[in-house]
Protein backbone atom coordinates (compact mmCIF):
# COMPACT_ATOMS: atom_id res chain seq x y z
CA MET A 1 -2.83 35.63 -1.57
CA LEU A 2 -1.24 32.92 -3.69
CA LEU A 3 2.38 32.57 -4.80
CA GLN A 4 3.47 30.64 -7.87
CA ARG A 5 5.76 27.78 -6.86
CA TYR A 6 5.87 25.72 -10.05
CA ARG A 7 5.22 26.46 -13.70
CA ASP A 8 2.91 24.27 -15.76
CA SER A 9 5.83 22.66 -17.58
CA GLN A 10 7.46 21.70 -14.27
CA ARG A 11 4.27 20.13 -12.96
CA LEU A 12 3.71 18.18 -16.18
CA ASN A 13 7.31 16.99 -16.00
CA HIS A 14 6.81 15.94 -12.37
CA TRP A 15 3.68 13.91 -13.10
CA LEU A 16 5.35 12.27 -16.09
CA ILE A 17 8.11 11.13 -13.72
CA VAL A 18 5.46 9.82 -11.30
CA LEU A 19 3.79 7.80 -14.07
CA LEU A 20 7.08 6.36 -15.34
CA PHE A 21 8.23 5.63 -11.77
CA LEU A 22 5.08 3.65 -11.04
CA CYS A 23 5.39 1.68 -14.28
CA ALA A 24 9.12 1.06 -13.95
CA GLY A 25 8.77 0.23 -10.26
CA LEU A 26 5.88 -2.22 -10.66
CA SER A 27 7.46 -3.93 -13.68
CA GLY A 28 10.77 -4.22 -11.80
CA LEU A 29 9.10 -5.62 -8.69
CA ALA A 30 7.56 -8.33 -10.85
CA PHE A 31 11.03 -9.81 -11.24
CA PHE A 32 12.26 -8.98 -7.75
CA HIS A 33 10.55 -11.95 -6.08
CA PRO A 34 8.32 -14.80 -7.34
CA SER A 35 5.50 -13.67 -5.05
CA LEU A 36 5.37 -10.37 -6.97
CA TYR A 37 5.41 -11.89 -10.45
CA PHE A 38 1.64 -11.35 -10.75
CA LEU A 39 2.44 -7.65 -11.34
CA SER A 40 3.66 -8.62 -14.80
CA ASN A 41 0.00 -9.01 -15.78
CA LEU A 42 -0.25 -5.22 -15.71
CA PHE A 43 2.15 -5.08 -18.66
CA GLY A 44 0.90 -7.98 -20.78
CA GLY A 45 2.76 -10.84 -19.11
CA GLY A 46 6.34 -11.76 -18.30
CA PRO A 47 7.96 -11.36 -21.75
CA TRP A 48 6.42 -7.94 -22.36
CA THR A 49 7.29 -6.81 -18.83
CA ARG A 50 10.92 -7.78 -19.40
CA VAL A 51 10.94 -5.85 -22.69
CA LEU A 52 9.21 -2.73 -21.36
CA HIS A 53 10.92 -2.35 -17.97
CA PRO A 54 14.30 -1.01 -19.16
CA TYR A 55 12.67 1.44 -21.58
CA LEU A 56 10.38 2.72 -18.81
CA GLY A 57 13.43 3.13 -16.57
CA VAL A 58 15.40 5.05 -19.19
CA GLY A 59 12.36 7.24 -19.84
CA MET A 60 12.07 8.02 -16.12
CA VAL A 61 15.76 8.98 -15.91
CA ILE A 62 15.46 11.27 -18.95
CA ALA A 63 12.31 12.93 -17.57
CA PHE A 64 13.97 13.44 -14.18
CA ALA A 65 17.08 14.87 -15.85
CA PHE A 66 15.00 17.69 -17.36
CA LEU A 67 13.56 18.49 -13.92
CA ALA A 68 16.94 18.19 -12.18
CA VAL A 69 18.54 20.69 -14.57
CA ARG A 70 15.97 23.24 -13.44
CA MET A 71 16.13 22.42 -9.74
CA TRP A 72 19.70 21.53 -8.82
CA ARG A 73 20.75 25.07 -7.85
CA ASP A 74 17.80 25.40 -5.47
CA ASN A 75 18.85 22.09 -3.88
CA LEU A 76 22.40 23.10 -2.95
CA TRP A 77 23.03 22.96 0.79
CA ILE A 78 23.02 26.27 2.70
CA GLY A 79 23.43 27.25 6.35
CA ALA A 80 19.68 27.33 6.96
CA ASP A 81 19.48 23.64 6.05
CA THR A 82 21.78 22.68 8.92
CA GLN A 83 19.54 24.64 11.27
CA TRP A 84 16.47 22.92 9.77
CA MET A 85 18.03 19.53 10.47
CA ARG A 86 18.61 20.51 14.09
CA GLN A 87 14.97 21.55 14.44
CA SER A 88 13.54 18.58 12.50
CA PRO A 89 13.03 16.29 15.55
CA ALA A 90 10.88 18.97 17.22
CA MET A 91 8.95 19.52 13.97
CA ILE A 92 8.23 15.81 13.63
CA THR A 93 7.06 15.41 17.23
CA GLY A 94 5.04 18.61 17.05
CA ALA A 95 7.02 20.48 19.68
CA GLY A 96 8.20 23.00 17.11
CA LYS A 97 5.00 23.17 15.13
CA GLU A 98 4.41 26.85 15.79
CA GLY A 99 7.98 27.92 15.09
CA VAL A 100 9.19 29.25 11.75
CA GLN A 101 11.07 26.59 9.80
CA PRO A 102 14.32 27.99 8.32
CA ALA A 103 14.21 27.03 4.64
CA ALA A 104 14.67 28.49 1.19
CA LYS A 105 12.64 27.13 -1.74
CA TYR A 106 13.40 23.59 -0.54
CA ASN A 107 14.13 22.51 3.02
CA ALA A 108 16.93 20.15 4.04
CA GLY A 109 14.67 17.09 3.90
CA GLN A 110 13.56 17.87 0.36
CA LYS A 111 17.16 18.44 -0.70
CA ILE A 112 18.21 15.07 0.71
CA VAL A 113 15.38 13.42 -1.23
CA PHE A 114 16.47 15.22 -4.41
CA TRP A 115 20.13 14.13 -4.18
CA VAL A 116 19.22 10.58 -3.18
CA MET A 117 17.10 10.44 -6.34
CA VAL A 118 19.98 11.79 -8.43
CA VAL A 119 22.43 9.18 -7.11
CA THR A 120 20.05 6.20 -7.20
CA LEU A 121 18.80 6.99 -10.70
CA ILE A 122 22.36 7.25 -12.00
CA LEU A 123 23.17 3.88 -10.39
CA LEU A 124 20.00 2.34 -11.80
CA LEU A 125 20.82 3.63 -15.29
CA VAL A 126 24.44 2.45 -15.27
CA THR A 127 23.78 -0.95 -13.69
CA GLY A 128 20.71 -1.49 -15.85
CA PHE A 129 22.76 -1.10 -19.02
CA MET A 130 25.24 -3.64 -17.69
CA PHE A 131 22.69 -6.47 -17.86
CA TRP A 132 20.32 -5.22 -20.58
CA HIS A 133 20.57 -8.39 -22.67
CA ALA A 134 18.62 -7.05 -25.64
CA TRP A 135 21.32 -4.50 -26.46
CA PHE A 136 24.34 -5.70 -24.49
CA PRO A 137 24.31 -9.51 -24.65
CA GLU A 138 28.03 -9.89 -23.91
CA GLY A 139 29.65 -9.15 -20.57
CA ASN A 140 31.49 -10.48 -17.57
CA ILE A 141 29.12 -12.66 -15.55
CA MET A 142 30.53 -11.50 -12.20
CA LEU A 143 30.11 -7.83 -13.14
CA ARG A 144 26.55 -8.57 -14.24
CA ARG A 145 25.77 -10.17 -10.88
CA ILE A 146 27.22 -7.19 -9.03
CA ALA A 147 25.20 -4.88 -11.29
CA VAL A 148 21.98 -6.79 -10.53
CA LEU A 149 22.66 -6.51 -6.79
CA LEU A 150 23.43 -2.77 -6.96
CA HIS A 151 20.39 -2.26 -9.18
CA SER A 152 18.13 -3.94 -6.62
CA VAL A 153 19.62 -2.03 -3.69
CA SER A 154 19.35 1.30 -5.54
CA ALA A 155 15.74 0.56 -6.51
CA THR A 156 14.86 -0.28 -2.90
CA ILE A 157 16.42 2.97 -1.63
CA LEU A 158 14.63 4.96 -4.33
CA ILE A 159 11.24 3.40 -3.57
CA LEU A 160 11.61 4.06 0.17
CA THR A 161 12.71 7.64 -0.55
CA ILE A 162 9.68 8.25 -2.76
CA ILE A 163 7.38 6.84 -0.07
CA ILE A 164 8.86 9.32 2.42
CA HIS A 165 8.52 12.10 -0.16
CA VAL A 166 4.83 11.36 -0.75
CA TYR A 167 4.11 11.02 2.97
CA ALA A 168 5.76 14.37 3.69
CA ALA A 169 3.76 16.05 0.91
CA ILE A 170 0.54 14.76 2.44
CA TRP A 171 1.61 15.36 6.05
CA VAL A 172 2.53 19.03 5.49
CA LYS A 173 -0.90 20.48 4.79
CA GLY A 174 -0.96 22.76 1.76
CA SER A 175 2.06 21.20 0.04
CA PHE A 176 0.16 18.97 -2.37
CA ARG A 177 -1.54 21.86 -4.15
CA ALA A 178 1.89 23.09 -5.30
CA MET A 179 2.10 20.16 -7.73
CA THR A 180 -1.58 20.13 -8.65
CA ARG A 181 -2.25 23.86 -9.06
CA GLY A 182 1.26 25.30 -9.10
CA THR A 183 0.59 27.74 -6.28
CA VAL A 184 0.81 27.91 -2.49
CA THR A 185 -0.74 30.30 -0.03
CA ASP A 186 1.22 33.25 1.32
CA THR A 187 0.81 31.92 4.87
CA TRP A 188 2.11 28.46 3.91
CA ALA A 189 5.19 29.92 2.21
CA ALA A 190 5.97 32.23 5.12
CA HIS A 191 5.77 29.38 7.62
CA HIS A 192 7.47 26.53 5.76
CA HIS A 193 9.86 28.37 3.43
CA PRO A 194 10.42 31.86 4.88
CA LEU A 195 13.61 32.57 2.92
CA TRP A 196 11.92 31.72 -0.38
CA HIS A 197 8.81 33.63 0.71
CA LYS A 198 10.86 36.76 1.33
CA GLU A 199 12.57 36.39 -2.04
CA ALA A 200 9.27 35.83 -3.84
CA LYS A 201 7.68 38.90 -2.19
CA GLU A 202 10.65 41.10 -3.09
CA ARG A 203 10.83 39.85 -6.66
CA PRO A 204 9.42 42.47 -9.09
CA ARG A 205 6.23 41.37 -10.78
CA ALA A 206 6.19 41.05 -14.56
């Protein structure tokens, strides 16, 4: 038996964010260090990369905002998340592999990833505007330098968070199909998200 986890519009939104993240990330890395400047060739060279990067970033933030509006309530912290965090070391080492993991639609780890993305994307948006020369050529040089530093730190945290997110999706067998087909198996839901599984089973069918 299969349970619907994501609607088509949510999955399309998610993959749009992935595409924009890759483009914004690679174009940003091109200016992060000289050794990575070759990445600018993916966007038509240095000048075009500099032009496109901020627009790709703004597009990613807007796309994520649509998804966040739908998901933020499901990512609020509950008592089961604290219990999940206590059990997480055993889950990672495999000692608690057979036990039921206390989680609603999203577990504590997924919620942390969600809120880290919210905070880092807000910081990237605000700091990016502070040194977007095409539209905001004037500004205090010291504030611009601070903005560049915060922008780089936020981008690094976001990239590492996404790497963890992707690894977890691959590591937890059966998770990836949720964002490719929109459904998960009944067994997967009962094991990894028992609270959501119970809610989904009790929900009246249309």
